[in-house]
N, C-alpha and C. Protein backbone atom coordinates (compact mmCIF):
# COMPACT_ATOMS: atom_id res chain seq x y z
N MET A 1 44.24 127.52 255.86
CA MET A 1 44.17 128.13 254.54
C MET A 1 42.76 127.98 253.97
N ILE A 2 42.20 129.07 253.51
CA ILE A 2 40.87 129.05 252.93
C ILE A 2 41.01 128.96 251.41
N ASP A 3 40.39 127.93 250.84
CA ASP A 3 40.47 127.71 249.40
C ASP A 3 39.17 128.07 248.69
N TYR A 4 38.37 128.90 249.33
CA TYR A 4 37.15 129.37 248.68
C TYR A 4 37.11 130.89 248.73
N ILE A 5 36.25 131.45 247.92
CA ILE A 5 36.09 132.90 247.82
C ILE A 5 34.76 133.28 248.44
N GLU A 6 34.74 134.35 249.22
CA GLU A 6 33.48 134.88 249.73
C GLU A 6 33.02 135.95 248.74
N ALA A 7 31.87 135.71 248.16
CA ALA A 7 31.37 136.58 247.10
C ALA A 7 30.44 137.66 247.63
N ASN A 8 30.46 138.77 246.92
CA ASN A 8 29.51 139.85 247.15
C ASN A 8 29.21 140.48 245.79
N GLU A 9 28.33 141.44 245.77
CA GLU A 9 27.95 142.02 244.48
C GLU A 9 29.12 142.69 243.77
N SER A 10 30.07 143.23 244.51
CA SER A 10 31.18 143.93 243.88
C SER A 10 32.18 142.98 243.22
N ASN A 11 32.33 141.75 243.71
CA ASN A 11 33.29 140.83 243.07
C ASN A 11 32.61 139.71 242.28
N TRP A 12 31.30 139.67 242.25
CA TRP A 12 30.55 138.59 241.63
C TRP A 12 30.90 138.37 240.16
N ASP A 13 30.85 139.44 239.35
CA ASP A 13 31.12 139.29 237.92
C ASP A 13 32.54 138.81 237.67
N GLU A 14 33.49 139.31 238.45
CA GLU A 14 34.88 138.88 238.30
C GLU A 14 35.03 137.38 238.63
N ILE A 15 34.32 136.92 239.65
CA ILE A 15 34.39 135.51 240.05
C ILE A 15 33.85 134.61 238.94
N LEU A 16 32.75 135.00 238.34
CA LEU A 16 32.11 134.17 237.33
C LEU A 16 32.72 134.32 235.94
N ASN A 17 33.56 135.33 235.75
CA ASN A 17 34.16 135.57 234.45
C ASN A 17 35.12 134.44 234.08
N GLY A 18 35.10 134.05 232.85
CA GLY A 18 36.03 133.03 232.38
C GLY A 18 35.36 131.68 232.19
N ARG A 19 36.18 130.69 231.89
CA ARG A 19 35.68 129.36 231.58
C ARG A 19 35.75 128.40 232.75
N ASP A 20 36.19 128.88 233.90
CA ASP A 20 36.27 128.01 235.07
C ASP A 20 34.88 127.56 235.51
N ILE A 21 34.80 126.34 235.98
CA ILE A 21 33.59 125.89 236.65
C ILE A 21 33.62 126.50 238.05
N VAL A 22 32.50 127.05 238.46
CA VAL A 22 32.39 127.69 239.77
C VAL A 22 31.27 126.99 240.54
N LEU A 23 31.57 126.56 241.76
CA LEU A 23 30.56 125.98 242.64
C LEU A 23 30.26 126.99 243.73
N VAL A 24 29.01 127.45 243.77
CA VAL A 24 28.60 128.47 244.72
C VAL A 24 27.70 127.86 245.78
N ASP A 25 28.04 128.11 247.04
CA ASP A 25 27.25 127.70 248.19
C ASP A 25 26.49 128.92 248.69
N PHE A 26 25.17 128.94 248.46
CA PHE A 26 24.31 129.98 249.01
C PHE A 26 23.91 129.51 250.41
N TRP A 27 24.27 130.29 251.44
CA TRP A 27 24.11 129.86 252.82
C TRP A 27 23.73 131.05 253.71
N ALA A 28 23.42 130.74 254.96
CA ALA A 28 23.17 131.78 255.98
C ALA A 28 23.67 131.26 257.32
N PRO A 29 24.14 132.16 258.19
CA PRO A 29 24.67 131.73 259.49
C PRO A 29 23.64 131.04 260.38
N TRP A 30 22.38 131.35 260.22
CA TRP A 30 21.33 130.78 261.06
C TRP A 30 20.85 129.41 260.56
N CYS A 31 21.33 128.98 259.39
CA CYS A 31 20.89 127.74 258.76
C CYS A 31 21.70 126.56 259.29
N GLY A 32 21.05 125.68 260.02
CA GLY A 32 21.73 124.52 260.60
C GLY A 32 22.34 123.60 259.56
N TRP A 33 21.62 123.33 258.48
CA TRP A 33 22.16 122.47 257.42
C TRP A 33 23.34 123.12 256.73
N CYS A 34 23.31 124.45 256.64
CA CYS A 34 24.45 125.17 256.05
C CYS A 34 25.69 125.02 256.92
N ARG A 35 25.51 125.14 258.22
CA ARG A 35 26.63 124.97 259.15
C ARG A 35 27.17 123.55 259.10
N LYS A 36 26.28 122.58 258.91
CA LYS A 36 26.71 121.19 258.82
C LYS A 36 27.49 120.94 257.52
N LEU A 37 27.11 121.60 256.44
CA LEU A 37 27.76 121.46 255.15
C LEU A 37 29.12 122.16 255.10
N ALA A 38 29.28 123.23 255.85
CA ALA A 38 30.47 124.09 255.73
C ALA A 38 31.81 123.36 255.83
N PRO A 39 32.03 122.49 256.82
CA PRO A 39 33.33 121.81 256.89
C PRO A 39 33.62 120.94 255.66
N SER A 40 32.61 120.28 255.15
CA SER A 40 32.80 119.47 253.94
C SER A 40 33.12 120.35 252.74
N PHE A 41 32.41 121.46 252.61
CA PHE A 41 32.65 122.39 251.51
C PHE A 41 34.09 122.89 251.55
N GLU A 42 34.56 123.22 252.75
CA GLU A 42 35.93 123.72 252.91
C GLU A 42 36.97 122.64 252.58
N ARG A 43 36.73 121.42 253.03
CA ARG A 43 37.67 120.32 252.71
C ARG A 43 37.70 120.06 251.21
N LEU A 44 36.54 120.05 250.59
CA LEU A 44 36.47 119.78 249.15
C LEU A 44 37.07 120.93 248.34
N ALA A 45 36.95 122.15 248.83
CA ALA A 45 37.59 123.29 248.17
C ALA A 45 39.10 123.09 248.12
N THR A 46 39.66 122.57 249.19
CA THR A 46 41.10 122.28 249.22
C THR A 46 41.43 121.11 248.30
N GLU A 47 40.62 120.08 248.36
CA GLU A 47 40.85 118.87 247.56
C GLU A 47 40.79 119.15 246.05
N PHE A 48 39.85 119.99 245.64
CA PHE A 48 39.64 120.25 244.22
C PHE A 48 40.23 121.58 243.77
N ALA A 49 41.08 122.18 244.58
CA ALA A 49 41.71 123.46 244.22
C ALA A 49 42.40 123.33 242.86
N GLY A 50 42.19 124.32 242.02
CA GLY A 50 42.79 124.31 240.69
C GLY A 50 41.92 123.64 239.63
N ARG A 51 40.89 122.92 240.07
CA ARG A 51 40.01 122.24 239.12
C ARG A 51 38.68 122.97 238.96
N LEU A 52 38.25 123.65 240.02
CA LEU A 52 37.09 124.51 239.96
C LEU A 52 37.17 125.49 241.11
N LYS A 53 36.45 126.60 240.97
CA LYS A 53 36.41 127.61 242.02
C LYS A 53 35.30 127.29 243.00
N PHE A 54 35.56 127.45 244.27
CA PHE A 54 34.56 127.30 245.31
C PHE A 54 34.24 128.69 245.86
N VAL A 55 32.95 129.00 245.97
CA VAL A 55 32.50 130.33 246.35
C VAL A 55 31.37 130.21 247.35
N LYS A 56 31.36 131.09 248.35
CA LYS A 56 30.28 131.13 249.32
C LYS A 56 29.59 132.48 249.23
N VAL A 57 28.25 132.46 249.28
CA VAL A 57 27.45 133.67 249.29
C VAL A 57 26.55 133.63 250.51
N ASN A 58 26.76 134.56 251.43
CA ASN A 58 25.89 134.71 252.60
C ASN A 58 24.64 135.44 252.13
N VAL A 59 23.50 134.75 252.10
CA VAL A 59 22.29 135.34 251.54
C VAL A 59 21.74 136.48 252.39
N ASP A 60 22.08 136.50 253.68
CA ASP A 60 21.64 137.62 254.52
C ASP A 60 22.38 138.90 254.14
N GLU A 61 23.65 138.77 253.77
CA GLU A 61 24.45 139.93 253.41
C GLU A 61 24.33 140.28 251.93
N GLU A 62 23.95 139.31 251.11
CA GLU A 62 23.86 139.51 249.65
C GLU A 62 22.51 139.03 249.12
N PRO A 63 21.41 139.63 249.58
CA PRO A 63 20.09 139.14 249.15
C PRO A 63 19.84 139.30 247.66
N ASN A 64 20.45 140.28 247.02
CA ASN A 64 20.23 140.47 245.58
C ASN A 64 20.80 139.31 244.78
N LEU A 65 21.94 138.77 245.21
CA LEU A 65 22.53 137.63 244.49
C LEU A 65 21.64 136.39 244.62
N SER A 66 21.14 136.14 245.81
CA SER A 66 20.27 134.97 245.97
C SER A 66 18.97 135.14 245.21
N GLU A 67 18.43 136.35 245.20
CA GLU A 67 17.19 136.60 244.45
C GLU A 67 17.42 136.45 242.95
N ARG A 68 18.56 136.94 242.47
CA ARG A 68 18.87 136.88 241.04
C ARG A 68 18.86 135.44 240.53
N TYR A 69 19.26 134.49 241.38
CA TYR A 69 19.35 133.10 240.95
C TYR A 69 18.26 132.22 241.54
N GLY A 70 17.23 132.83 242.07
CA GLY A 70 16.05 132.09 242.51
C GLY A 70 16.28 131.16 243.68
N VAL A 71 17.20 131.51 244.56
CA VAL A 71 17.46 130.68 245.73
C VAL A 71 16.30 130.83 246.70
N GLN A 72 15.64 129.70 246.98
CA GLN A 72 14.47 129.74 247.85
C GLN A 72 14.66 128.94 249.13
N GLY A 73 15.63 128.05 249.16
CA GLY A 73 15.90 127.25 250.33
C GLY A 73 17.40 127.12 250.53
N LEU A 74 17.78 126.81 251.75
CA LEU A 74 19.21 126.72 252.07
C LEU A 74 19.52 125.37 252.68
N PRO A 75 20.73 124.88 252.45
CA PRO A 75 21.70 125.42 251.50
C PRO A 75 21.30 125.10 250.07
N THR A 76 21.73 125.95 249.16
CA THR A 76 21.60 125.71 247.73
C THR A 76 22.99 125.82 247.13
N LEU A 77 23.38 124.82 246.38
CA LEU A 77 24.66 124.82 245.68
C LEU A 77 24.37 124.91 244.19
N LYS A 78 25.08 125.81 243.52
CA LYS A 78 24.90 125.97 242.08
C LYS A 78 26.25 125.93 241.39
N PHE A 79 26.33 125.16 240.32
CA PHE A 79 27.50 125.14 239.45
C PHE A 79 27.27 126.17 238.35
N PHE A 80 28.29 126.98 238.08
CA PHE A 80 28.23 127.99 237.03
C PHE A 80 29.32 127.72 236.00
N CYS A 81 29.01 128.05 234.77
CA CYS A 81 30.00 128.02 233.69
C CYS A 81 29.79 129.26 232.83
N GLU A 82 30.88 129.97 232.59
CA GLU A 82 30.83 131.18 231.78
C GLU A 82 29.72 132.11 232.27
N GLY A 83 29.58 132.20 233.59
CA GLY A 83 28.64 133.12 234.19
C GLY A 83 27.20 132.66 234.29
N GLU A 84 26.92 131.47 233.79
CA GLU A 84 25.54 130.97 233.78
C GLU A 84 25.40 129.75 234.68
N PRO A 85 24.29 129.67 235.45
CA PRO A 85 24.07 128.47 236.26
C PRO A 85 23.74 127.29 235.36
N VAL A 86 24.41 126.15 235.63
CA VAL A 86 24.22 124.99 234.76
C VAL A 86 23.78 123.73 235.51
N HIS A 87 23.87 123.76 236.84
CA HIS A 87 23.46 122.60 237.64
C HIS A 87 23.22 123.06 239.07
N GLU A 88 22.24 122.45 239.75
CA GLU A 88 21.89 122.87 241.11
C GLU A 88 21.76 121.67 242.03
N ILE A 89 22.04 121.91 243.29
CA ILE A 89 21.81 120.93 244.35
C ILE A 89 21.07 121.67 245.45
N TYR A 90 19.91 121.17 245.82
CA TYR A 90 19.13 121.79 246.88
C TYR A 90 19.24 120.96 248.14
N GLY A 91 19.57 121.61 249.25
CA GLY A 91 19.62 120.92 250.52
C GLY A 91 21.00 120.35 250.82
N TYR A 92 21.09 119.75 251.97
CA TYR A 92 22.35 119.21 252.47
C TYR A 92 22.71 117.90 251.78
N LEU A 93 23.98 117.76 251.46
CA LEU A 93 24.52 116.49 250.97
C LEU A 93 25.69 116.10 251.86
N PRO A 94 25.78 114.84 252.29
CA PRO A 94 26.97 114.39 253.01
C PRO A 94 28.20 114.54 252.11
N GLU A 95 29.36 114.67 252.72
CA GLU A 95 30.59 114.92 251.97
C GLU A 95 30.84 113.90 250.86
N PRO A 96 30.69 112.59 251.09
CA PRO A 96 30.93 111.65 249.99
C PRO A 96 30.00 111.88 248.79
N ALA A 97 28.76 112.22 249.06
CA ALA A 97 27.80 112.47 247.97
C ALA A 97 28.16 113.76 247.22
N LEU A 98 28.58 114.78 247.95
CA LEU A 98 28.97 116.03 247.31
C LEU A 98 30.25 115.83 246.49
N ARG A 99 31.22 115.09 247.01
CA ARG A 99 32.44 114.79 246.27
C ARG A 99 32.08 114.05 244.98
N SER A 100 31.20 113.08 245.09
CA SER A 100 30.78 112.31 243.92
C SER A 100 30.13 113.20 242.87
N LYS A 101 29.30 114.12 243.31
CA LYS A 101 28.63 115.04 242.37
C LYS A 101 29.66 115.94 241.69
N ILE A 102 30.63 116.44 242.44
CA ILE A 102 31.68 117.28 241.86
C ILE A 102 32.47 116.47 240.84
N GLU A 103 32.85 115.26 241.20
CA GLU A 103 33.60 114.41 240.27
C GLU A 103 32.79 114.12 239.02
N GLN A 104 31.49 113.91 239.18
CA GLN A 104 30.62 113.68 238.03
C GLN A 104 30.60 114.90 237.11
N VAL A 105 30.47 116.06 237.70
CA VAL A 105 30.45 117.29 236.90
C VAL A 105 31.77 117.44 236.14
N LEU A 106 32.87 117.19 236.82
CA LEU A 106 34.18 117.35 236.19
C LEU A 106 34.46 116.28 235.14
N SER A 107 34.00 115.06 235.36
CA SER A 107 34.38 113.97 234.46
C SER A 107 33.43 113.73 233.31
N THR A 108 32.20 114.17 233.41
CA THR A 108 31.24 113.86 232.36
C THR A 108 30.94 115.02 231.45
N SER A 109 31.73 116.09 231.59
CA SER A 109 31.50 117.27 230.76
C SER A 109 30.09 117.79 230.92
N LEU A 110 29.55 117.64 232.13
CA LEU A 110 28.21 118.12 232.40
C LEU A 110 28.12 119.63 232.18
N VAL A 111 29.21 120.31 232.48
CA VAL A 111 29.24 121.77 232.33
C VAL A 111 30.54 122.19 231.67
N CYS A 112 30.54 123.35 231.10
CA CYS A 112 31.74 124.05 230.59
C CYS A 112 32.51 123.28 229.53
N ASN A 113 31.98 122.25 228.98
CA ASN A 113 32.67 121.49 227.95
C ASN A 113 34.07 121.09 228.40
N VAL A 114 34.19 120.68 229.65
CA VAL A 114 35.47 120.21 230.16
C VAL A 114 35.45 118.70 230.25
N ALA A 115 36.59 118.11 230.14
CA ALA A 115 36.67 116.64 230.26
C ALA A 115 37.42 116.29 231.50
């Protein structure tokens, strides 16, 4: 079961609409660190289902989305709230560190005024 959404320009606004926290993984198939991050991202998407949306953007297929948000290196993870980027992670993070960052975002009201 896939608990993340694959984004493209046609569904992008719908994905970001609303008050949900959205975590977007900007990645490419040729990126080794992206491939290393993918299994952790998928596990965490299942673990945190219902608490935030997990989204993947293939920058090769959606260059306009990556350009719009200034993605210059991969992987880049961005947290969005109400359609706006509010926090970024550049580069690979091991799963425990990424889980910790997600928990921090959710528990400290870092974004979206959620507790």
